[in-house]
PDB file of N, CA and C in Angstrom:
ATOM      1  N   MET A   1     149.141  96.990-164.389  1.00  0.00           N
ATOM      2  CA  MET A   1     148.785  97.622-163.548  1.00  0.00           C
ATOM      3  C   MET A   1     148.679  96.463-162.400  1.00  0.00           C
ATOM      4  N   PRO A   2     148.898  96.800-161.088  1.00  0.00           N
ATOM      5  CA  PRO A   2     148.697  96.052-159.921  1.00  0.00           C
ATOM      6  C   PRO A   2     147.133  95.551-159.632  1.00  0.00           C
ATOM      7  N   GLN A   3     146.835  94.264-159.350  1.00  0.00           N
ATOM      8  CA  GLN A   3     145.491  94.039-158.628  1.00  0.00           C
ATOM      9  C   GLN A   3     145.244  94.626-157.380  1.00  0.00           C
ATOM     10  N   ILE A   4     144.232  94.597-156.998  1.00  0.00           N
ATOM     11  CA  ILE A   4     144.307  95.199-155.595  1.00  0.00           C
ATOM     12  C   ILE A   4     143.981  94.333-154.501  1.00  0.00           C
ATOM     13  N   THR A   5     144.131  93.154-154.948  1.00  0.00           N
ATOM     14  CA  THR A   5     144.351  92.029-154.158  1.00  0.00           C
ATOM     15  C   THR A   5     146.186  92.091-153.958  1.00  0.00           C
ATOM     16  N   GLN A   6     147.014  92.355-154.790  1.00  0.00           N
ATOM     17  CA  GLN A   6     148.406  92.614-154.271  1.00  0.00           C
ATOM     18  C   GLN A   6     148.612  93.834-153.728  1.00  0.00           C
ATOM     19  N   LEU A   7     147.950  94.866-153.835  1.00  0.00           N
ATOM     20  CA  LEU A   7     148.156  95.963-152.692  1.00  0.00           C
ATOM     21  C   LEU A   7     147.715  95.821-151.351  1.00  0.00           C
ATOM     22  N   THR A   8     146.614  94.919-151.382  1.00  0.00           N
ATOM     23  CA  THR A   8     146.062  94.402-149.860  1.00  0.00           C
ATOM     24  C   THR A   8     146.990  93.447-149.220  1.00  0.00           C
ATOM     25  N   GLU A   9     147.515  92.347-150.050  1.00  0.00           N
ATOM     26  CA  GLU A   9     148.523  91.611-149.367  1.00  0.00           C
ATOM     27  C   GLU A   9     149.785  92.501-148.999  1.00  0.00           C
ATOM     28  N   ASP A  10     150.072  93.274-149.555  1.00  0.00           N
ATOM     29  CA  ASP A  10     151.595  94.111-149.230  1.00  0.00           C
ATOM     30  C   ASP A  10     151.183  94.563-147.718  1.00  0.00           C
ATOM     31  N   LEU A  11     149.965  94.999-147.253  1.00  0.00           N
ATOM     32  CA  LEU A  11     149.257  95.725-146.102  1.00  0.00           C
ATOM     33  C   LEU A  11     149.244  94.600-145.174  1.00  0.00           C
ATOM     34  N   ALA A  12     148.712  93.535-145.562  1.00  0.00           N
ATOM     35  CA  ALA A  12     148.415  92.452-144.287  1.00  0.00           C
ATOM     36  C   ALA A  12     149.543  91.427-144.279  1.00  0.00           C
ATOM     37  N   VAL A  13     150.015  91.637-142.918  1.00  0.00           N
ATOM     38  CA  VAL A  13     151.292  91.030-142.483  1.00  0.00           C
ATOM     39  C   VAL A  13     150.898  89.903-141.408  1.00  0.00           C
ATOM     40  N   ALA A  14     151.033  88.752-141.100  1.00  0.00           N
ATOM     41  CA  ALA A  14     150.653  88.155-140.412  1.00  0.00           C
ATOM     42  C   ALA A  14     151.585  88.110-139.089  1.00  0.00           C
ATOM     43  N   ASP A  15     152.576  88.525-139.073  1.00  0.00           N
ATOM     44  CA  ASP A  15     153.555  88.708-138.069  1.00  0.00           C
ATOM     45  C   ASP A  15     153.200  89.753-137.248  1.00  0.00           C
ATOM     46  N   LYS A  16     152.715  90.780-137.646  1.00  0.00           N
ATOM     47  CA  LYS A  16     152.511  92.072-137.004  1.00  0.00           C
ATOM     48  C   LYS A  16     151.403  92.108-135.925  1.00  0.00           C
ATOM     49  N   ASP A  17     151.794  92.588-134.795  1.00  0.00           N
ATOM     50  CA  ASP A  17     150.975  92.176-133.505  1.00  0.00           C
ATOM     51  C   ASP A  17     149.482  93.136-133.737  1.00  0.00           C
ATOM     52  N   ASN A  18     149.447  94.166-134.687  1.00  0.00           N
ATOM     53  CA  ASN A  18     148.507  95.033-134.488  1.00  0.00           C
ATOM     54  C   ASN A  18     148.157  95.128-135.863  1.00  0.00           C
ATOM     55  N   GLY A  19     148.272  94.119-137.103  1.00  0.00           N
ATOM     56  CA  GLY A  19     148.037  94.317-138.166  1.00  0.00           C
ATOM     57  C   GLY A  19     147.067  93.623-138.756  1.00  0.00           C
ATOM     58  N   PRO A  20     146.351  93.830-140.091  1.00  0.00           N
ATOM     59  CA  PRO A  20     145.398  92.900-140.468  1.00  0.00           C
ATOM     60  C   PRO A  20     146.023  91.282-140.850  1.00  0.00           C
ATOM     61  N   ARG A  21     145.307  90.325-140.557  1.00  0.00           N
ATOM     62  CA  ARG A  21     145.360  89.022-140.717  1.00  0.00           C
ATOM     63  C   ARG A  21     145.699  88.612-142.191  1.00  0.00           C
ATOM     64  N   THR A  22     144.516  89.208-143.103  1.00  0.00           N
ATOM     65  CA  THR A  22     144.335  88.647-144.268  1.00  0.00           C
ATOM     66  C   THR A  22     144.186  89.776-145.356  1.00  0.00           C
ATOM     67  N   THR A  23     144.092  89.709-146.657  1.00  0.00           N
ATOM     68  CA  THR A  23     143.529  90.305-147.635  1.00  0.00           C
ATOM     69  C   THR A  23     141.912  90.665-147.373  1.00  0.00           C
ATOM     70  N   ASN A  24     141.447  90.073-146.835  1.00  0.00           N
ATOM     71  CA  ASN A  24     139.841  90.372-146.860  1.00  0.00           C
ATOM     72  C   ASN A  24     139.774  91.383-145.490  1.00  0.00           C
ATOM     73  N   ASP A  25     140.797  91.720-144.665  1.00  0.00           N
ATOM     74  CA  ASP A  25     140.635  92.566-143.592  1.00  0.00           C
ATOM     75  C   ASP A  25     141.010  94.024-144.002  1.00  0.00           C
ATOM     76  N   VAL A  26     141.479  94.299-145.313  1.00  0.00           N
ATOM     77  CA  VAL A  26     141.994  95.365-145.757  1.00  0.00           C
ATOM     78  C   VAL A  26     141.029  95.874-147.109  1.00  0.00           C
ATOM     79  N   LYS A  27     140.303  97.121-146.893  1.00  0.00           N
ATOM     80  CA  LYS A  27     139.690  97.703-148.065  1.00  0.00           C
ATOM     81  C   LYS A  27     140.268  99.096-148.581  1.00  0.00           C
ATOM     82  N   LEU A  28     140.461  99.028-149.793  1.00  0.00           N
ATOM     83  CA  LEU A  28     141.202 100.411-150.165  1.00  0.00           C
ATOM     84  C   LEU A  28     139.945 101.258-150.634  1.00  0.00           C
ATOM     85  N   ILE A  29     139.953 102.431-150.457  1.00  0.00           N
ATOM     86  CA  ILE A  29     138.884 103.255-150.697  1.00  0.00           C
ATOM     87  C   ILE A  29     139.377 104.557-151.729  1.00  0.00           C
ATOM     88  N   ASN A  30     139.070 104.718-152.952  1.00  0.00           N
ATOM     89  CA  ASN A  30     139.583 105.697-153.796  1.00  0.00           C
ATOM     90  C   ASN A  30     138.239 106.876-154.164  1.00  0.00           C
ATOM     91  N   ALA A  31     138.331 108.082-153.858  1.00  0.00           N
ATOM     92  CA  ALA A  31     137.268 108.601-154.421  1.00  0.00           C
ATOM     93  C   ALA A  31     135.749 108.199-153.822  1.00  0.00           C
ATOM     94  N   GLY A  32     135.662 107.721-152.719  1.00  0.00           N
ATOM     95  CA  GLY A  32     134.576 107.380-152.100  1.00  0.00           C
ATOM     96  C   GLY A  32     133.952 105.697-152.624  1.00  0.00           C
ATOM     97  N   ARG A  33     135.027 105.400-153.248  1.00  0.00           N
ATOM     98  CA  ARG A  33     134.363 103.750-153.838  1.00  0.00           C
ATOM     99  C   ARG A  33     135.424 103.030-153.333  1.00  0.00           C
ATOM    100  N   ILE A  34     134.796 101.528-152.713  1.00  0.00           N
ATOM    101  CA  ILE A  34     135.553 100.702-152.284  1.00  0.00           C
ATOM    102  C   ILE A  34     135.988  99.801-153.239  1.00  0.00           C
ATOM    103  N   LEU A  35     137.285  99.577-153.617  1.00  0.00           N
ATOM    104  CA  LEU A  35     137.678  98.963-154.601  1.00  0.00           C
ATOM    105  C   LEU A  35     137.723  97.532-154.534  1.00  0.00           C
ATOM    106  N   GLU A  36     137.559  96.571-155.869  1.00  0.00           N
ATOM    107  CA  GLU A  36     137.237  95.383-155.408  1.00  0.00           C
ATOM    108  C   GLU A  36     138.512  94.675-155.278  1.00  0.00           C
ATOM    109  N   ASN A  37     138.550  93.372-154.775  1.00  0.00           N
ATOM    110  CA  ASN A  37     140.195  92.681-154.645  1.00  0.00           C
ATOM    111  C   ASN A  37     140.079  92.250-156.154  1.00  0.00           C
ATOM    112  N   SER A  38     139.278  91.925-156.799  1.00  0.00           N
ATOM    113  CA  SER A  38     139.360  90.789-158.100  1.00  0.00           C
ATOM    114  C   SER A  38     139.602  91.950-159.326  1.00  0.00           C
ATOM    115  N   LYS A  39     139.865  93.332-159.230  1.00  0.00           N
ATOM    116  CA  LYS A  39     140.084  94.301-160.415  1.00  0.00           C
ATOM    117  C   LYS A  39     141.393  94.615-160.226  1.00  0.00           C
ATOM    118  N   THR A  40     141.977  95.222-161.307  1.00  0.00           N
ATOM    119  CA  THR A  40     143.300  95.809-161.324  1.00  0.00           C
ATOM    120  C   THR A  40     142.599  97.388-161.130  1.00  0.00           C
ATOM    121  N   LEU A  41     143.821  98.424-160.779  1.00  0.00           N
ATOM    122  CA  LEU A  41     143.597  99.593-160.759  1.00  0.00           C
ATOM    123  C   LEU A  41     142.985 100.467-162.166  1.00  0.00           C
ATOM    124  N   GLY A  42     143.617  99.693-162.867  1.00  0.00           N
ATOM    125  CA  GLY A  42     142.922 100.028-164.541  1.00  0.00           C
ATOM    126  C   GLY A  42     141.545 100.094-164.885  1.00  0.00           C
ATOM    127  N   GLU A  43     141.133  98.729-164.224  1.00  0.00           N
ATOM    128  CA  GLU A  43     139.723  98.234-164.124  1.00  0.00           C
ATOM    129  C   GLU A  43     138.636  99.012-163.239  1.00  0.00           C
ATOM    130  N   SER A  44     139.347  99.352-162.448  1.00  0.00           N
ATOM    131  CA  SER A  44     138.558 100.415-161.319  1.00  0.00           C
ATOM    132  C   SER A  44     138.027 101.470-161.836  1.00  0.00           C
ATOM    133  N   ARG A  45     138.716 102.135-162.967  1.00  0.00           N
ATOM    134  CA  ARG A  45     138.540 103.517-163.688  1.00  0.00           C
ATOM    135  C   ARG A  45     138.728 104.650-162.521  1.00  0.00           C
ATOM    136  N   LEU A  46     140.105 104.721-162.254  1.00  0.00           N
ATOM    137  CA  LEU A  46     140.413 105.736-161.066  1.00  0.00           C
ATOM    138  C   LEU A  46     141.063 106.912-161.808  1.00  0.00           C
ATOM    139  N   PRO A  47     140.344 108.031-162.014  1.00  0.00           N
ATOM    140  CA  PRO A  47     140.751 109.359-162.358  1.00  0.00           C
ATOM    141  C   PRO A  47     142.297 109.474-162.614  1.00  0.00           C
ATOM    142  N   ALA A  48     143.075 109.044-161.847  1.00  0.00           N
ATOM    143  CA  ALA A  48     144.594 109.690-161.623  1.00  0.00           C
ATOM    144  C   ALA A  48     145.277 108.637-162.510  1.00  0.00           C
ATOM    145  N   ILE A  49     144.677 107.422-162.969  1.00  0.00           N
ATOM    146  CA  ILE A  49     145.382 106.594-163.801  1.00  0.00           C
ATOM    147  C   ILE A  49     145.917 107.014-165.177  1.00  0.00           C
ATOM    148  N   GLU A  50     144.869 107.970-165.367  1.00  0.00           N
ATOM    149  CA  GLU A  50     144.971 108.505-167.086  1.00  0.00           C
ATOM    150  C   GLU A  50     145.927 109.469-166.812  1.00  0.00           C
ATOM    151  N   VAL A  51     146.651 110.173-165.726  1.00  0.00           N
ATOM    152  CA  VAL A  51     147.474 111.036-165.865  1.00  0.00           C
ATOM    153  C   VAL A  51     148.935 110.548-165.890  1.00  0.00           C
ATOM    154  N   PRO A  52     149.788 110.345-166.691  1.00  0.00           N
ATOM    155  CA  PRO A  52     151.106 109.506-166.575  1.00  0.00           C
ATOM    156  C   PRO A  52     151.775 110.057-165.509  1.00  0.00           C
ATOM    157  N   GLY A  53     152.239 109.408-164.630  1.00  0.00           N
ATOM    158  CA  GLY A  53     152.982 109.604-163.810  1.00  0.00           C
ATOM    159  C   GLY A  53     152.405 110.484-162.362  1.00  0.00           C
ATOM    160  N   GLY A  54     150.815 110.410-162.620  1.00  0.00           N
ATOM    161  CA  GLY A  54     150.259 110.913-161.368  1.00  0.00           C
ATOM    162  C   GLY A  54     150.368 110.104-159.962  1.00  0.00           C
ATOM    163  N   VAL A  55     149.726 110.967-159.272  1.00  0.00           N
ATOM    164  CA  VAL A  55     149.950 110.110-157.790  1.00  0.00           C
ATOM    165  C   VAL A  55     148.503 109.936-157.122  1.00  0.00           C
ATOM    166  N   ILE A  56     148.221 108.566-157.059  1.00  0.00           N
ATOM    167  CA  ILE A  56     147.041 108.175-156.467  1.00  0.00           C
ATOM    168  C   ILE A  56     146.842 108.145-154.687  1.00  0.00           C
ATOM    169  N   THR A  57     146.102 108.941-154.477  1.00  0.00           N
ATOM    170  CA  THR A  57     145.527 108.711-152.927  1.00  0.00           C
ATOM    171  C   THR A  57     144.500 107.965-152.727  1.00  0.00           C
ATOM    172  N   MET A  58     144.960 106.895-151.759  1.00  0.00           N
ATOM    173  CA  MET A  58     143.691 105.909-151.206  1.00  0.00           C
ATOM    174  C   MET A  58     143.650 106.194-149.661  1.00  0.00           C
ATOM    175  N   HIS A  59     142.582 105.726-149.409  1.00  0.00           N
ATOM    176  CA  HIS A  59     142.405 105.343-148.064  1.00  0.00           C
ATOM    177  C   HIS A  59     142.652 103.884-147.874  1.00  0.00           C
ATOM    178  N   VAL A  60     142.964 103.732-146.516  1.00  0.00           N
ATOM    179  CA  VAL A  60     143.096 102.136-146.205  1.00  0.00           C
ATOM    180  C   VAL A  60     142.031 101.738-144.872  1.00  0.00           C
ATOM    181  N   VAL A  61     141.308 101.074-144.795  1.00  0.00           N
ATOM    182  CA  VAL A  61     140.481 100.989-143.862  1.00  0.00           C
ATOM    183  C   VAL A  61     140.746  99.246-143.499  1.00  0.00           C
ATOM    184  N   VAL A  62     141.233  98.977-142.597  1.00  0.00           N
ATOM    185  CA  VAL A  62     141.555  97.677-141.766  1.00  0.00           C
ATOM    186  C   VAL A  62     140.382  97.265-140.950  1.00  0.00           C
ATOM    187  N   ARG A  63     139.796  96.147-141.185  1.00  0.00           N
ATOM    188  CA  ARG A  63     139.079  95.493-140.258  1.00  0.00           C
ATOM    189  C   ARG A  63     139.353  95.156-138.922  1.00  0.00           C
ATOM    190  N   PRO A  64     138.918  95.851-137.478  1.00  0.00           N
ATOM    191  CA  PRO A  64     139.438  95.344-136.215  1.00  0.00           C
ATOM    192  C   PRO A  64     139.154  93.835-136.256  1.00  0.00           C
ATOM    193  N   PRO A  65     139.826  93.258-135.197  1.00  0.00           N
ATOM    194  CA  PRO A  65     139.578  91.551-134.541  1.00  0.00           C
ATOM    195  C   PRO A  65     138.077  91.600-134.434  1.00  0.00           C
ATOM    196  N   VAL A  66     137.948  90.179-134.602  1.00  0.00           N
ATOM    197  CA  VAL A  66     136.414  89.718-134.244  1.00  0.00           C
ATOM    198  C   VAL A  66     136.599  88.822-132.958  1.00  0.00           C
ATOM    199  N   ASN A  67     135.593  88.804-132.095  1.00  0.00           N
ATOM    200  CA  ASN A  67     135.480  88.089-130.982  1.00  0.00           C
ATOM    201  C   ASN A  67     135.332  86.689-131.448  1.00  0.00           C
ATOM    202  N   ASP A  68     136.124  85.888-130.287  1.00  0.00           N
ATOM    203  CA  ASP A  68     136.054  84.530-130.713  1.00  0.00           C
ATOM    204  C   ASP A  68     134.950  83.705-130.104  1.00  0.00           C
ATOM    205  N   ARG A  69     134.220  83.150-130.708  1.00  0.00           N
ATOM    206  CA  ARG A  69     132.767  82.702-130.227  1.00  0.00           C
ATOM    207  C   ARG A  69     132.965  81.689-129.002  1.00  0.00           C
ATOM    208  N   ASN A  70     134.118  80.931-129.222  1.00  0.00           N
ATOM    209  CA  ASN A  70     134.275  79.874-127.803  1.00  0.00           C
ATOM    210  C   ASN A  70     134.429  80.496-126.999  1.00  0.00           C
ATOM    211  N   ASN A  71     135.220  81.379-126.562  1.00  0.00           N
ATOM    212  CA  ASN A  71     135.323  81.944-125.186  1.00  0.00           C
ATOM    213  C   ASN A  71     135.012  83.530-125.021  1.00  0.00           C
ATOM    214  N   ASP A  72     134.402  84.060-125.945  1.00  0.00           N
ATOM    215  CA  ASP A  72     133.702  85.175-125.942  1.00  0.00           C
ATOM    216  C   ASP A  72     134.981  86.398-125.656  1.00  0.00           C
ATOM    217  N   LYS A  73     136.196  86.383-126.023  1.00  0.00           N
ATOM    218  CA  LYS A  73     137.173  87.258-125.884  1.00  0.00           C
ATOM    219  C   LYS A  73     137.622  87.712-127.283  1.00  0.00           C
ATOM    220  N   LEU A  74     138.141  88.814-127.589  1.00  0.00           N
ATOM    221  CA  LEU A  74     139.050  89.047-128.232  1.00  0.00           C
ATOM    222  C   LEU A  74     140.262  88.139-128.865  1.00  0.00           C
ATOM    223  N   LYS A  75     140.047  87.965-129.951  1.00  0.00           N
ATOM    224  CA  LYS A  75     141.138  86.954-130.549  1.00  0.00           C
ATOM    225  C   LYS A  75     142.538  87.878-130.579  1.00  0.00           C
ATOM    226  N   ASP A  76     142.206  89.185-130.495  1.00  0.00           N
ATOM    227  CA  ASP A  76     143.559  90.104-130.609  1.00  0.00           C
ATOM    228  C   ASP A  76     143.212  91.441-129.374  1.00  0.00           C
ATOM    229  N   ASP A  77     144.425  91.519-128.807  1.00  0.00           N
ATOM    230  CA  ASP A  77     144.061  92.602-127.669  1.00  0.00           C
ATOM    231  C   ASP A  77     144.357  93.966-128.301  1.00  0.00           C
ATOM    232  N   SER A  78     144.609  93.934-129.593  1.00  0.00           N
ATOM    233  CA  SER A  78     144.574  95.313-130.314  1.00  0.00           C
ATOM    234  C   SER A  78     143.720  96.381-129.912  1.00  0.00           C
ATOM    235  N   LEU A  79     142.579  96.329-129.532  1.00  0.00           N
ATOM    236  CA  LEU A  79     141.561  97.003-129.499  1.00  0.00           C
ATOM    237  C   LEU A  79     141.788  97.524-128.055  1.00  0.00           C
ATOM    238  N   LYS A  80     142.442  96.884-127.163  1.00  0.00           N
ATOM    239  CA  LYS A  80     142.177  97.440-125.834  1.00  0.00           C
ATOM    240  C   LYS A  80     143.836  98.280-125.879  1.00  0.00           C
ATOM    241  N   LYS A  81     144.686  98.304-126.279  1.00  0.00           N
ATOM    242  CA  LYS A  81     145.882  98.799-126.591  1.00  0.00           C
ATOM    243  C   LYS A  81     145.626 100.188-127.220  1.00  0.00           C
ATOM    244  N   GLY A  82     144.630 100.174-128.095  1.00  0.00           N
ATOM    245  CA  GLY A  82     144.543 101.565-128.634  1.00  0.00           C
ATOM    246  C   GLY A  82     145.663 101.980-129.659  1.00  0.00           C
ATOM    247  N   GLY A  83     145.333 103.035-130.214  1.00  0.00           N
ATOM    248  CA  GLY A  83     146.449 103.638-131.015  1.00  0.00           C
ATOM    249  C   GLY A  83     146.136 103.659-132.587  1.00  0.00           C
ATOM    250  N   CYS A  84     147.135 103.947-133.243  1.00  0.00           N
ATOM    251  CA  CYS A  84     146.730 104.529-134.799  1.00  0.00           C
ATOM    252  C   CYS A  84     148.024 104.029-135.628  1.00  0.00           C
ATOM    253  N   ALA A  85     148.025 103.636-136.605  1.00  0.00           N
ATOM    254  CA  ALA A  85     149.066 103.323-137.856  1.00  0.00           C
ATOM    255  C   ALA A  85     148.732 103.863-139.301  1.00  0.00           C
ATOM    256  N   CYS A  86     150.063 104.351-139.753  1.00  0.00           N
ATOM    257  CA  CYS A  86     149.723 104.660-140.782  1.00  0.00           C
ATOM    258  C   CYS A  86     150.747 103.932-141.876  1.00  0.00           C
ATOM    259  N   THR A  87     150.752 103.619-143.109  1.00  0.00           N
ATOM    260  CA  THR A  87     151.607 103.303-143.937  1.00  0.00           C
ATOM    261  C   THR A  87     151.706 103.787-145.389  1.00  0.00           C
ATOM    262  N   ILE A  88     152.712 104.332-145.691  1.00  0.00           N
ATOM    263  CA  ILE A  88     152.763 104.954-147.100  1.00  0.00           C
ATOM    264  C   ILE A  88     153.602 104.116-147.784  1.00  0.00           C
ATOM    265  N   LEU A  89     152.777 103.761-149.022  1.00  0.00           N
ATOM    266  CA  LEU A  89     153.679 102.614-150.154  1.00  0.00           C
ATOM    267  C   LEU A  89     154.074 103.601-150.901  1.00  0.00           C
TER     268      LEU A  89
END
């Protein structure tokens, strides 16, 4: 079973202009529960895990860039650009 951290690392790519920077910027949600990075999917007790060959549907939430305290500007202009992205693994 892969760890949640491994799944979020696949989504967090530093060279993307409008993507998450670290695994802490990405949260996986299954059945209304936020999954913890330190656990595996099996430890998270997902109902679909028990079905061999079953499909797991998860929501991915990416934390938006934060303000830089030194100059009070956004570190990333992605909020100004707007838009939406979807990744299917």
